[in-house]
Amino acid sequence: MRSLVQLTLDFFSPAEPSPPRAGPAPTSPPTIEFRHPRANRELRLAQAIVAYEFKRGKRRTIGFSVGPEGLVVSAPRWVGLVEVNAALQEKATWIVRKLDEARLHHERLVANRIEWREGAEIPFLGQPLRLLLDPTQTFANTSATMQSVTDAATGIAQHSLHLGLPHRASEAQIRDAVQAWLMRQARRIFTERLDHFAPQLEVQWRKLSLSSAGTRWGSARSDGSIRLHWRLVHFRMPVIDYVVAHELSHLRVMDHSPRFWDTVRSVVPDYAEVRGLLKDESIPQWV
């Protein structure tokens, strides 16, 4: 049966419709596929075919989880598949968007993965740092030293990290030597910046710990303990200054209220712009 809307449109249409405009025939958008390696169910969501892992468990609600491998759906044992499908369709736009974001993030990680070999580059304080194996060098109390040479023609400084390793060194040896050097630099730089900002904020920090947590760049405790992710040394100094000032500000305001952000702004006026740089996907992946 034709709908009332369709009949009304037909009634007001001209007896002899005008010929269609010339041009390419409209095409439907291509179908995107997302497939979990342990997929046991498949469904079309929006413009995507999503093959997902489906689990039954002791839970009260239907749950969705999007991770590096894809979509995982968990449901109570008493919920039927019709209800599961309806819940997926209701969240289709969100699910497909998150799956697309996860795929793009994974592609960037692969593209930025470091090859631990001579000549590879890593960012240090926002500048490329070339890795060179230099077994003839002896460094005092360290296995690496940084050297800078300014090109006479361009005036651009080129930085290199000389590692006291043989040319046959393994990828793991090179990675560990670079990480050890970066962590030493991180502790030195973070200490300098903590000492710089603490008097301005009228706070006192007592202990610095280097963190390698995957989800946080820093944290602060009311006893004056500060934790900062050592990989912040990949970023330019304004980013490091923002994170240091952020954590020191927590020694005055232990929340993220407007008063807290006013405190951060008092020493880093452009903190909002700098803050976005922490999401820079060009930071290399350590594998």
C-alpha atoms as a PDB file:
ATOM      1  CA  MET A   1       0.000   0.000   0.000  1.00  0.00           C
ATOM      2  CA  ARG A   2       1.314   3.417  -0.972  1.00  0.00           C
ATOM      3  CA  SER A   3       1.792   5.936   1.810  1.00  0.00           C
ATOM      4  CA  LEU A   4      -0.213   9.163   2.020  1.00  0.00           C
ATOM      5  CA  VAL A   5       2.956  11.168   1.505  1.00  0.00           C
ATOM      6  CA  GLN A   6       3.774   9.293  -1.690  1.00  0.00           C
ATOM      7  CA  LEU A   7       0.223   9.752  -3.053  1.00  0.00           C
ATOM      8  CA  THR A   8       0.321  13.488  -2.374  1.00  0.00           C
ATOM      9  CA  LEU A   9       3.577  13.837  -4.244  1.00  0.00           C
ATOM     10  CA  ASP A  10       2.154  11.934  -7.215  1.00  0.00           C
ATOM     11  CA  PHE A  11      -0.958  14.116  -7.275  1.00  0.00           C
ATOM     12  CA  PHE A  12       1.023  17.325  -7.647  1.00  0.00           C
ATOM     13  CA  SER A  13       3.502  15.922 -10.196  1.00  0.00           C
ATOM     14  CA  PRO A  14       3.243  17.220 -13.775  1.00  0.00           C
ATOM     15  CA  ALA A  15       1.624  14.939 -16.378  1.00  0.00           C
ATOM     16  CA  GLU A  16       4.762  14.922 -18.474  1.00  0.00           C
ATOM     17  CA  PRO A  17       7.815  14.983 -16.257  1.00  0.00           C
ATOM     18  CA  SER A  18      10.767  16.940 -17.552  1.00  0.00           C
ATOM     19  CA  PRO A  19      13.725  14.891 -18.733  1.00  0.00           C
ATOM     20  CA  PRO A  20      16.398  14.218 -16.106  1.00  0.00           C
ATOM     21  CA  ARG A  21      19.448  16.456 -16.027  1.00  0.00           C
ATOM     22  CA  ALA A  22      22.540  15.165 -17.700  1.00  0.00           C
ATOM     23  CA  GLY A  23      25.287  13.975 -15.399  1.00  0.00           C
ATOM     24  CA  PRO A  24      26.744  10.883 -13.763  1.00  0.00           C
ATOM     25  CA  ALA A  25      24.353   8.526 -12.107  1.00  0.00           C
ATOM     26  CA  PRO A  26      24.428   8.775  -8.303  1.00  0.00           C
ATOM     27  CA  THR A  27      26.456   6.092  -6.630  1.00  0.00           C
ATOM     28  CA  SER A  28      25.998   4.699  -3.160  1.00  0.00           C
ATOM     29  CA  PRO A  29      28.907   5.171  -0.743  1.00  0.00           C
ATOM     30  CA  PRO A  30      31.290   2.227  -0.564  1.00  0.00           C
ATOM     31  CA  THR A  31      30.707  -0.294   2.176  1.00  0.00           C
ATOM     32  CA  ILE A  32      33.332  -0.267   4.946  1.00  0.00           C
ATOM     33  CA  GLU A  33      34.264  -3.491   6.713  1.00  0.00           C
ATOM     34  CA  PHE A  34      35.472  -3.924  10.279  1.00  0.00           C
ATOM     35  CA  ARG A  35      36.329  -7.481  11.258  1.00  0.00           C
ATOM     36  CA  HIS A  36      37.378  -8.669  14.713  1.00  0.00           C
ATOM     37  CA  PRO A  37      39.890 -11.566  14.531  1.00  0.00           C
ATOM     38  CA  ARG A  38      37.619 -13.636  16.818  1.00  0.00           C
ATOM     39  CA  ALA A  39      34.359 -12.529  15.199  1.00  0.00           C
ATOM     40  CA  ASN A  40      31.430 -14.919  15.608  1.00  0.00           C
ATOM     41  CA  ARG A  41      28.612 -12.603  14.476  1.00  0.00           C
ATOM     42  CA  GLU A  42      28.193 -10.065  11.681  1.00  0.00           C
ATOM     43  CA  LEU A  43      25.799  -7.151  11.185  1.00  0.00           C
ATOM     44  CA  ARG A  44      25.365  -4.160   8.906  1.00  0.00           C
ATOM     45  CA  LEU A  45      25.607  -0.905  10.900  1.00  0.00           C
ATOM     46  CA  ALA A  46      25.090   2.360   9.002  1.00  0.00           C
ATOM     47  CA  GLN A  47      27.363   2.102   5.937  1.00  0.00           C
ATOM     48  CA  ALA A  48      29.585  -0.586   7.444  1.00  0.00           C
ATOM     49  CA  ILE A  49      29.702  -4.346   7.747  1.00  0.00           C
ATOM     50  CA  VAL A  50      30.823  -5.081  11.295  1.00  0.00           C
ATOM     51  CA  ALA A  51      31.984  -8.568  12.226  1.00  0.00           C
ATOM     52  CA  TYR A  52      32.244  -8.609  16.013  1.00  0.00           C
ATOM     53  CA  GLU A  53      33.031 -10.918  18.890  1.00  0.00           C
ATOM     54  CA  PHE A  54      29.891 -11.770  20.837  1.00  0.00           C
ATOM     55  CA  LYS A  55      30.022 -12.957  24.438  1.00  0.00           C
ATOM     56  CA  ARG A  56      27.476 -14.065  26.994  1.00  0.00           C
ATOM     57  CA  GLY A  57      28.134 -13.377  30.639  1.00  0.00           C
ATOM     58  CA  LYS A  58      26.868 -12.484  34.079  1.00  0.00           C
ATOM     59  CA  ARG A  59      25.932  -8.891  33.445  1.00  0.00           C
ATOM     60  CA  ARG A  60      22.778  -6.828  33.660  1.00  0.00           C
ATOM     61  CA  THR A  61      23.077  -4.800  30.470  1.00  0.00           C
ATOM     62  CA  ILE A  62      24.372  -5.082  26.913  1.00  0.00           C
ATOM     63  CA  GLY A  63      27.902  -3.703  26.658  1.00  0.00           C
ATOM     64  CA  PHE A  64      29.970  -2.496  23.699  1.00  0.00           C
ATOM     65  CA  SER A  65      33.762  -2.253  23.662  1.00  0.00           C
ATOM     66  CA  VAL A  66      35.829  -0.919  20.759  1.00  0.00           C
ATOM     67  CA  GLY A  67      39.532  -1.736  20.924  1.00  0.00           C
ATOM     68  CA  PRO A  68      42.495  -2.193  18.569  1.00  0.00           C
ATOM     69  CA  GLU A  69      41.098  -5.517  17.322  1.00  0.00           C
ATOM     70  CA  GLY A  70      37.546  -4.311  16.749  1.00  0.00           C
ATOM     71  CA  LEU A  71      34.118  -4.499  18.383  1.00  0.00           C
ATOM     72  CA  VAL A  72      33.273  -6.777  21.308  1.00  0.00           C
ATOM     73  CA  VAL A  73      29.651  -7.098  22.420  1.00  0.00           C
ATOM     74  CA  SER A  74      28.730  -8.590  25.791  1.00  0.00           C
ATOM     75  CA  ALA A  75      25.175  -9.425  26.812  1.00  0.00           C
ATOM     76  CA  PRO A  76      23.345 -11.134  29.693  1.00  0.00           C
ATOM     77  CA  ARG A  77      22.386 -14.738  29.108  1.00  0.00           C
ATOM     78  CA  TRP A  78      18.682 -13.918  29.178  1.00  0.00           C
ATOM     79  CA  VAL A  79      18.783 -11.208  26.458  1.00  0.00           C
ATOM     80  CA  GLY A  80      17.712 -12.366  23.006  1.00  0.00           C
ATOM     81  CA  LEU A  81      19.629 -11.681  19.809  1.00  0.00           C
ATOM     82  CA  VAL A  82      16.808  -9.471  18.542  1.00  0.00           C
ATOM     83  CA  GLU A  83      17.376  -7.133  21.490  1.00  0.00           C
ATOM     84  CA  VAL A  84      21.136  -7.231  20.951  1.00  0.00           C
ATOM     85  CA  ASN A  85      20.729  -6.295  17.279  1.00  0.00           C
ATOM     86  CA  ALA A  86      18.346  -3.478  18.198  1.00  0.00           C
ATOM     87  CA  ALA A  87      20.852  -2.092  20.708  1.00  0.00           C
ATOM     88  CA  LEU A  88      23.607  -2.235  18.095  1.00  0.00           C
ATOM     89  CA  GLN A  89      21.485  -0.404  15.550  1.00  0.00           C
ATOM     90  CA  GLU A  90      20.641   2.263  18.110  1.00  0.00           C
ATOM     91  CA  LYS A  91      24.365   2.902  18.685  1.00  0.00           C
ATOM     92  CA  ALA A  92      25.390   2.283  15.059  1.00  0.00           C
ATOM     93  CA  THR A  93      26.746   5.762  14.370  1.00  0.00           C
ATOM     94  CA  TRP A  94      28.818   5.803  17.561  1.00  0.00           C
ATOM     95  CA  ILE A  95      30.165   2.275  16.985  1.00  0.00           C
ATOM     96  CA  VAL A  96      31.215   2.898  13.381  1.00  0.00           C
ATOM     97  CA  ARG A  97      32.840   6.205  14.319  1.00  0.00           C
ATOM     98  CA  LYS A  98      34.834   4.577  17.122  1.00  0.00           C
ATOM     99  CA  LEU A  99      35.867   1.663  14.890  1.00  0.00           C
ATOM    100  CA  ASP A 100      37.060   4.118  12.234  1.00  0.00           C
ATOM    101  CA  GLU A 101      39.005   6.124  14.833  1.00  0.00           C
ATOM    102  CA  ALA A 102      40.610   2.920  16.158  1.00  0.00           C
ATOM    103  CA  ARG A 103      41.636   1.872  12.636  1.00  0.00           C
ATOM    104  CA  LEU A 104      43.183   5.273  11.846  1.00  0.00           C
ATOM    105  CA  HIS A 105      44.992   5.285  15.192  1.00  0.00           C
ATOM    106  CA  HIS A 106      46.437   1.827  14.490  1.00  0.00           C
ATOM    107  CA  GLU A 107      47.590   2.901  11.025  1.00  0.00           C
ATOM    108  CA  ARG A 108      49.378   5.909  12.508  1.00  0.00           C
ATOM    109  CA  LEU A 109      51.062   3.719  15.113  1.00  0.00           C
ATOM    110  CA  VAL A 110      52.367   1.386  12.427  1.00  0.00           C
ATOM    111  CA  ALA A 111      53.555   4.304  10.286  1.00  0.00           C
ATOM    112  CA  ASN A 112      55.412   5.878  13.230  1.00  0.00           C
ATOM    113  CA  ARG A 113      56.989   2.700  14.539  1.00  0.00           C
ATOM    114  CA  ILE A 114      60.705   3.129  15.144  1.00  0.00           C
ATOM    115  CA  GLU A 115      63.202   0.913  13.363  1.00  0.00           C
ATOM    116  CA  TRP A 116      66.015   0.495  15.854  1.00  0.00           C
ATOM    117  CA  ARG A 117      69.015   0.818  13.569  1.00  0.00           C
ATOM    118  CA  GLU A 118      71.798   3.233  12.761  1.00  0.00           C
ATOM    119  CA  GLY A 119      70.496   6.309  10.983  1.00  0.00           C
ATOM    120  CA  ALA A 120      66.977   6.113  12.445  1.00  0.00           C
ATOM    121  CA  GLU A 121      65.506   9.307  13.871  1.00  0.00           C
ATOM    122  CA  ILE A 122      63.502  10.033  17.001  1.00  0.00           C
ATOM    123  CA  PRO A 123      62.142  13.385  18.220  1.00  0.00           C
ATOM    124  CA  PHE A 124      63.895  14.983  21.181  1.00  0.00           C
ATOM    125  CA  LEU A 125      62.470  18.277  22.454  1.00  0.00           C
ATOM    126  CA  GLY A 126      60.580  18.543  19.175  1.00  0.00           C
ATOM    127  CA  GLN A 127      63.679  18.173  16.966  1.00  0.00           C
ATOM    128  CA  PRO A 128      64.843  15.105  15.008  1.00  0.00           C
ATOM    129  CA  LEU A 129      67.686  13.222  16.644  1.00  0.00           C
ATOM    130  CA  ARG A 130      69.626  10.797  14.435  1.00  0.00           C
ATOM    131  CA  LEU A 131      70.961   7.592  16.010  1.00  0.00           C
ATOM    132  CA  LEU A 132      74.587   6.725  15.254  1.00  0.00           C
ATOM    133  CA  LEU A 133      76.529   3.676  16.452  1.00  0.00           C
ATOM    134  CA  ASP A 134      79.962   4.769  17.597  1.00  0.00           C
ATOM    135  CA  PRO A 135      81.872   1.845  19.173  1.00  0.00           C
ATOM    136  CA  THR A 136      85.152   3.798  19.252  1.00  0.00           C
ATOM    137  CA  GLN A 137      83.803   6.388  21.647  1.00  0.00           C
ATOM    138  CA  THR A 138      84.017   6.151  25.419  1.00  0.00           C
ATOM    139  CA  PHE A 139      81.474   8.222  27.318  1.00  0.00           C
ATOM    140  CA  ALA A 140      81.776   9.099  30.992  1.00  0.00           C
ATOM    141  CA  ASN A 141      79.134   7.290  33.084  1.00  0.00           C
ATOM    142  CA  THR A 142      76.842   6.836  30.077  1.00  0.00           C
ATOM    143  CA  SER A 143      76.522   4.864  26.864  1.00  0.00           C
ATOM    144  CA  ALA A 144      75.460   7.813  24.718  1.00  0.00           C
ATOM    145  CA  THR A 145      76.151  11.468  24.055  1.00  0.00           C
ATOM    146  CA  MET A 146      74.383  14.067  21.946  1.00  0.00           C
ATOM    147  CA  GLN A 147      76.280  16.132  19.376  1.00  0.00           C
ATOM    148  CA  SER A 148      75.048  19.067  17.284  1.00  0.00           C
ATOM    149  CA  VAL A 149      76.479  20.420  14.031  1.00  0.00           C
ATOM    150  CA  THR A 150      75.209  23.592  12.324  1.00  0.00           C
ATOM    151  CA  ASP A 151      75.071  23.527   8.527  1.00  0.00           C
ATOM    152  CA  ALA A 152      77.091  26.507   7.261  1.00  0.00           C
ATOM    153  CA  ALA A 153      74.855  27.000   4.216  1.00  0.00           C
ATOM    154  CA  THR A 154      71.440  26.799   5.857  1.00  0.00           C
ATOM    155  CA  GLY A 155      72.261  27.676   9.458  1.00  0.00           C
ATOM    156  CA  ILE A 156      70.151  24.707  10.582  1.00  0.00           C
ATOM    157  CA  ALA A 157      71.468  22.625  13.456  1.00  0.00           C
ATOM    158  CA  GLN A 158      71.524  18.864  12.983  1.00  0.00           C
ATOM    159  CA  HIS A 159      71.493  16.717  16.103  1.00  0.00           C
ATOM    160  CA  SER A 160      72.794  13.180  16.522  1.00  0.00           C
ATOM    161  CA  LEU A 161      72.944  10.735  19.405  1.00  0.00           C
ATOM    162  CA  HIS A 162      76.180   8.749  19.434  1.00  0.00           C
ATOM    163  CA  LEU A 163      75.718   5.353  21.060  1.00  0.00           C
ATOM    164  CA  GLY A 164      78.684   3.464  22.427  1.00  0.00           C
ATOM    165  CA  LEU A 165      77.582   0.224  20.773  1.00  0.00           C
ATOM    166  CA  PRO A 166      79.143  -2.057  18.145  1.00  0.00           C
ATOM    167  CA  HIS A 167      77.767  -1.888  14.601  1.00  0.00           C
ATOM    168  CA  ARG A 168      76.363  -5.395  15.055  1.00  0.00           C
ATOM    169  CA  ALA A 169      74.244  -4.288  18.058  1.00  0.00           C
ATOM    170  CA  SER A 170      70.743  -5.739  18.139  1.00  0.00           C
ATOM    171  CA  GLU A 171      67.561  -3.687  17.914  1.00  0.00           C
ATOM    172  CA  ALA A 172      66.907  -4.347  21.610  1.00  0.00           C
ATOM    173  CA  GLN A 173      70.371  -3.052  22.585  1.00  0.00           C
ATOM    174  CA  ILE A 174      69.900   0.135  20.569  1.00  0.00           C
ATOM    175  CA  ARG A 175      66.390   0.691  21.958  1.00  0.00           C
ATOM    176  CA  ASP A 176      67.511   0.179  25.562  1.00  0.00           C
ATOM    177  CA  ALA A 177      70.506   2.505  25.189  1.00  0.00           C
ATOM    178  CA  VAL A 178      68.351   5.262  23.681  1.00  0.00           C
ATOM    179  CA  GLN A 179      65.669   4.867  26.337  1.00  0.00           C
ATOM    180  CA  ALA A 180      68.229   5.025  29.149  1.00  0.00           C
ATOM    181  CA  TRP A 181      69.658   8.267  27.707  1.00  0.00           C
ATOM    182  CA  LEU A 182      66.218   9.816  27.227  1.00  0.00           C
ATOM    183  CA  MET A 183      65.197   8.976  30.781  1.00  0.00           C
ATOM    184  CA  ARG A 184      68.315  10.684  32.129  1.00  0.00           C
ATOM    185  CA  GLN A 185      67.491  13.762  30.067  1.00  0.00           C
ATOM    186  CA  ALA A 186      63.879  13.632  31.251  1.00  0.00           C
ATOM    187  CA  ARG A 187      64.862  13.673  34.915  1.00  0.00           C
ATOM    188  CA  ARG A 188      67.279  16.566  34.369  1.00  0.00           C
ATOM    189  CA  ILE A 189      64.829  18.671  32.330  1.00  0.00           C
ATOM    190  CA  PHE A 190      61.805  17.967  34.547  1.00  0.00           C
ATOM    191  CA  THR A 191      63.755  18.894  37.680  1.00  0.00           C
ATOM    192  CA  GLU A 192      64.826  22.198  36.108  1.00  0.00           C
ATOM    193  CA  ARG A 193      61.254  23.066  35.087  1.00  0.00           C
ATOM    194  CA  LEU A 194      59.776  22.063  38.459  1.00  0.00           C
ATOM    195  CA  ASP A 195      62.281  24.334  40.177  1.00  0.00           C
ATOM    196  CA  HIS A 196      61.383  27.104  37.715  1.00  0.00           C
ATOM    197  CA  PHE A 197      57.589  27.023  38.166  1.00  0.00           C
ATOM    198  CA  ALA A 198      57.231  26.016  41.840  1.00  0.00           C
ATOM    199  CA  PRO A 199      58.249  29.456  43.260  1.00  0.00           C
ATOM    200  CA  GLN A 200      55.918  31.229  40.804  1.00  0.00           C
ATOM    201  CA  LEU A 201      52.997  29.079  41.969  1.00  0.00           C
ATOM    202  CA  GLU A 202      54.093  29.324  45.614  1.00  0.00           C
ATOM    203  CA  VAL A 203      54.194  25.553  46.063  1.00  0.00           C
ATOM    204  CA  GLN A 204      56.893  23.084  47.023  1.00  0.00           C
ATOM    205  CA  TRP A 205      57.429  19.762  45.321  1.00  0.00           C
ATOM    206  CA  ARG A 206      59.264  17.046  47.247  1.00  0.00           C
ATOM    207  CA  LYS A 207      59.773  14.032  44.985  1.00  0.00           C
ATOM    208  CA  LEU A 208      59.945  13.402  41.230  1.00  0.00           C
ATOM    209  CA  SER A 209      59.191   9.976  39.762  1.00  0.00           C
ATOM    210  CA  LEU A 210      59.379   9.034  36.097  1.00  0.00           C
ATOM    211  CA  SER A 211      56.320   7.233  34.804  1.00  0.00           C
ATOM    212  CA  SER A 212      55.745   4.942  31.826  1.00  0.00           C
ATOM    213  CA  ALA A 213      51.972   4.613  32.314  1.00  0.00           C
ATOM    214  CA  GLY A 214      50.144   4.344  29.022  1.00  0.00           C
ATOM    215  CA  THR A 215      47.275   6.711  29.755  1.00  0.00           C
ATOM    216  CA  ARG A 216      48.598   9.641  31.816  1.00  0.00           C
ATOM    217  CA  TRP A 217      51.266  12.250  31.171  1.00  0.00           C
ATOM    218  CA  GLY A 218      51.530  13.210  34.824  1.00  0.00           C
ATOM    219  CA  SER A 219      50.034  13.153  38.301  1.00  0.00           C
ATOM    220  CA  ALA A 220      50.477  14.952  41.611  1.00  0.00           C
ATOM    221  CA  ARG A 221      49.815  14.089  45.248  1.00  0.00           C
ATOM    222  CA  SER A 222      49.076  16.455  48.089  1.00  0.00           C
ATOM    223  CA  ASP A 223      52.347  15.430  49.810  1.00  0.00           C
ATOM    224  CA  GLY A 224      54.320  17.090  46.996  1.00  0.00           C
ATOM    225  CA  SER A 225      55.081  13.932  44.992  1.00  0.00           C
ATOM    226  CA  ILE A 226      55.091  14.498  41.222  1.00  0.00           C
ATOM    227  CA  ARG A 227      55.019  11.798  38.549  1.00  0.00           C
ATOM    228  CA  LEU A 228      55.801  12.711  34.930  1.00  0.00           C
ATOM    229  CA  HIS A 229      55.913  10.449  31.882  1.00  0.00           C
ATOM    230  CA  TRP A 230      59.510  10.275  30.671  1.00  0.00           C
ATOM    231  CA  ARG A 231      58.411  10.329  27.025  1.00  0.00           C
ATOM    232  CA  LEU A 232      57.382  13.951  27.392  1.00  0.00           C
ATOM    233  CA  VAL A 233      60.970  14.680  26.277  1.00  0.00           C
ATOM    234  CA  HIS A 234      59.824  13.931  22.714  1.00  0.00           C
ATOM    235  CA  PHE A 235      57.799  17.178  22.791  1.00  0.00           C
ATOM    236  CA  ARG A 236      58.880  20.805  22.531  1.00  0.00           C
ATOM    237  CA  MET A 237      59.592  22.677  25.750  1.00  0.00           C
ATOM    238  CA  PRO A 238      56.253  24.564  25.827  1.00  0.00           C
ATOM    239  CA  VAL A 239      54.452  21.212  26.087  1.00  0.00           C
ATOM    240  CA  ILE A 240      56.715  20.037  28.901  1.00  0.00           C
ATOM    241  CA  ASP A 241      56.217  23.353  30.689  1.00  0.00           C
ATOM    242  CA  TYR A 242      52.438  22.962  30.441  1.00  0.00           C
ATOM    243  CA  VAL A 243      52.446  19.474  31.985  1.00  0.00           C
ATOM    244  CA  VAL A 244      54.857  20.526  34.746  1.00  0.00           C
ATOM    245  CA  ALA A 245      52.770  23.622  35.545  1.00  0.00           C
ATOM    246  CA  HIS A 246      49.590  21.513  35.422  1.00  0.00           C
ATOM    247  CA  GLU A 247      50.843  19.063  38.037  1.00  0.00           C
ATOM    248  CA  LEU A 248      52.328  21.759  40.267  1.00  0.00           C
ATOM    249  CA  SER A 249      49.014  23.628  40.137  1.00  0.00           C
ATOM    250  CA  HIS A 250      47.394  20.552  41.655  1.00  0.00           C
ATOM    251  CA  LEU A 251      49.456  21.195  44.791  1.00  0.00           C
ATOM    252  CA  ARG A 252      47.281  24.286  45.212  1.00  0.00           C
ATOM    253  CA  VAL A 253      43.985  23.041  43.754  1.00  0.00           C
ATOM    254  CA  MET A 254      43.396  19.264  43.783  1.00  0.00           C
ATOM    255  CA  ASP A 255      40.689  19.248  41.111  1.00  0.00           C
ATOM    256  CA  HIS A 256      39.961  20.660  37.656  1.00  0.00           C
ATOM    257  CA  SER A 257      37.712  23.511  38.709  1.00  0.00           C
ATOM    258  CA  PRO A 258      37.848  26.984  37.101  1.00  0.00           C
ATOM    259  CA  ARG A 259      40.133  28.035  39.968  1.00  0.00           C
ATOM    260  CA  PHE A 260      42.576  25.288  38.960  1.00  0.00           C
ATOM    261  CA  TRP A 261      42.704  26.411  35.319  1.00  0.00           C
ATOM    262  CA  ASP A 262      43.166  30.009  36.427  1.00  0.00           C
ATOM    263  CA  THR A 263      46.178  28.819  38.409  1.00  0.00           C
ATOM    264  CA  VAL A 264      47.657  27.079  35.353  1.00  0.00           C
ATOM    265  CA  ARG A 265      46.974  30.151  33.221  1.00  0.00           C
ATOM    266  CA  SER A 266      48.879  32.366  35.646  1.00  0.00           C
ATOM    267  CA  VAL A 267      52.165  30.746  34.571  1.00  0.00           C
ATOM    268  CA  VAL A 268      51.238  29.286  31.143  1.00  0.00           C
ATOM    269  CA  PRO A 269      48.850  31.807  29.539  1.00  0.00           C
ATOM    270  CA  ASP A 270      48.486  29.824  26.289  1.00  0.00           C
ATOM    271  CA  TYR A 271      47.980  26.451  28.008  1.00  0.00           C
ATOM    272  CA  ALA A 272      44.808  25.671  25.983  1.00  0.00           C
ATOM    273  CA  GLU A 273      46.724  25.773  22.683  1.00  0.00           C
ATOM    274  CA  VAL A 274      49.708  23.849  24.013  1.00  0.00           C
ATOM    275  CA  ARG A 275      47.468  21.218  25.589  1.00  0.00           C
ATOM    276  CA  GLY A 276      46.268  20.061  22.161  1.00  0.00           C
ATOM    277  CA  LEU A 277      49.816  19.171  21.110  1.00  0.00           C
ATOM    278  CA  LEU A 278      49.807  16.277  23.589  1.00  0.00           C
ATOM    279  CA  LYS A 279      47.524  14.432  21.161  1.00  0.00           C
ATOM    280  CA  ASP A 280      50.153  14.606  18.423  1.00  0.00           C
ATOM    281  CA  GLU A 281      50.211  11.183  16.740  1.00  0.00           C
ATOM    282  CA  SER A 282      53.701  11.761  15.331  1.00  0.00           C
ATOM    283  CA  ILE A 283      55.257  10.642  18.609  1.00  0.00           C
ATOM    284  CA  PRO A 284      57.067   7.376  17.760  1.00  0.00           C
ATOM    285  CA  GLN A 285      55.951   4.014  19.049  1.00  0.00           C
ATOM    286  CA  TRP A 286      58.368   1.990  21.157  1.00  0.00           C
ATOM    287  CA  VAL A 287      58.071  -1.677  20.204  1.00  0.00           C
END
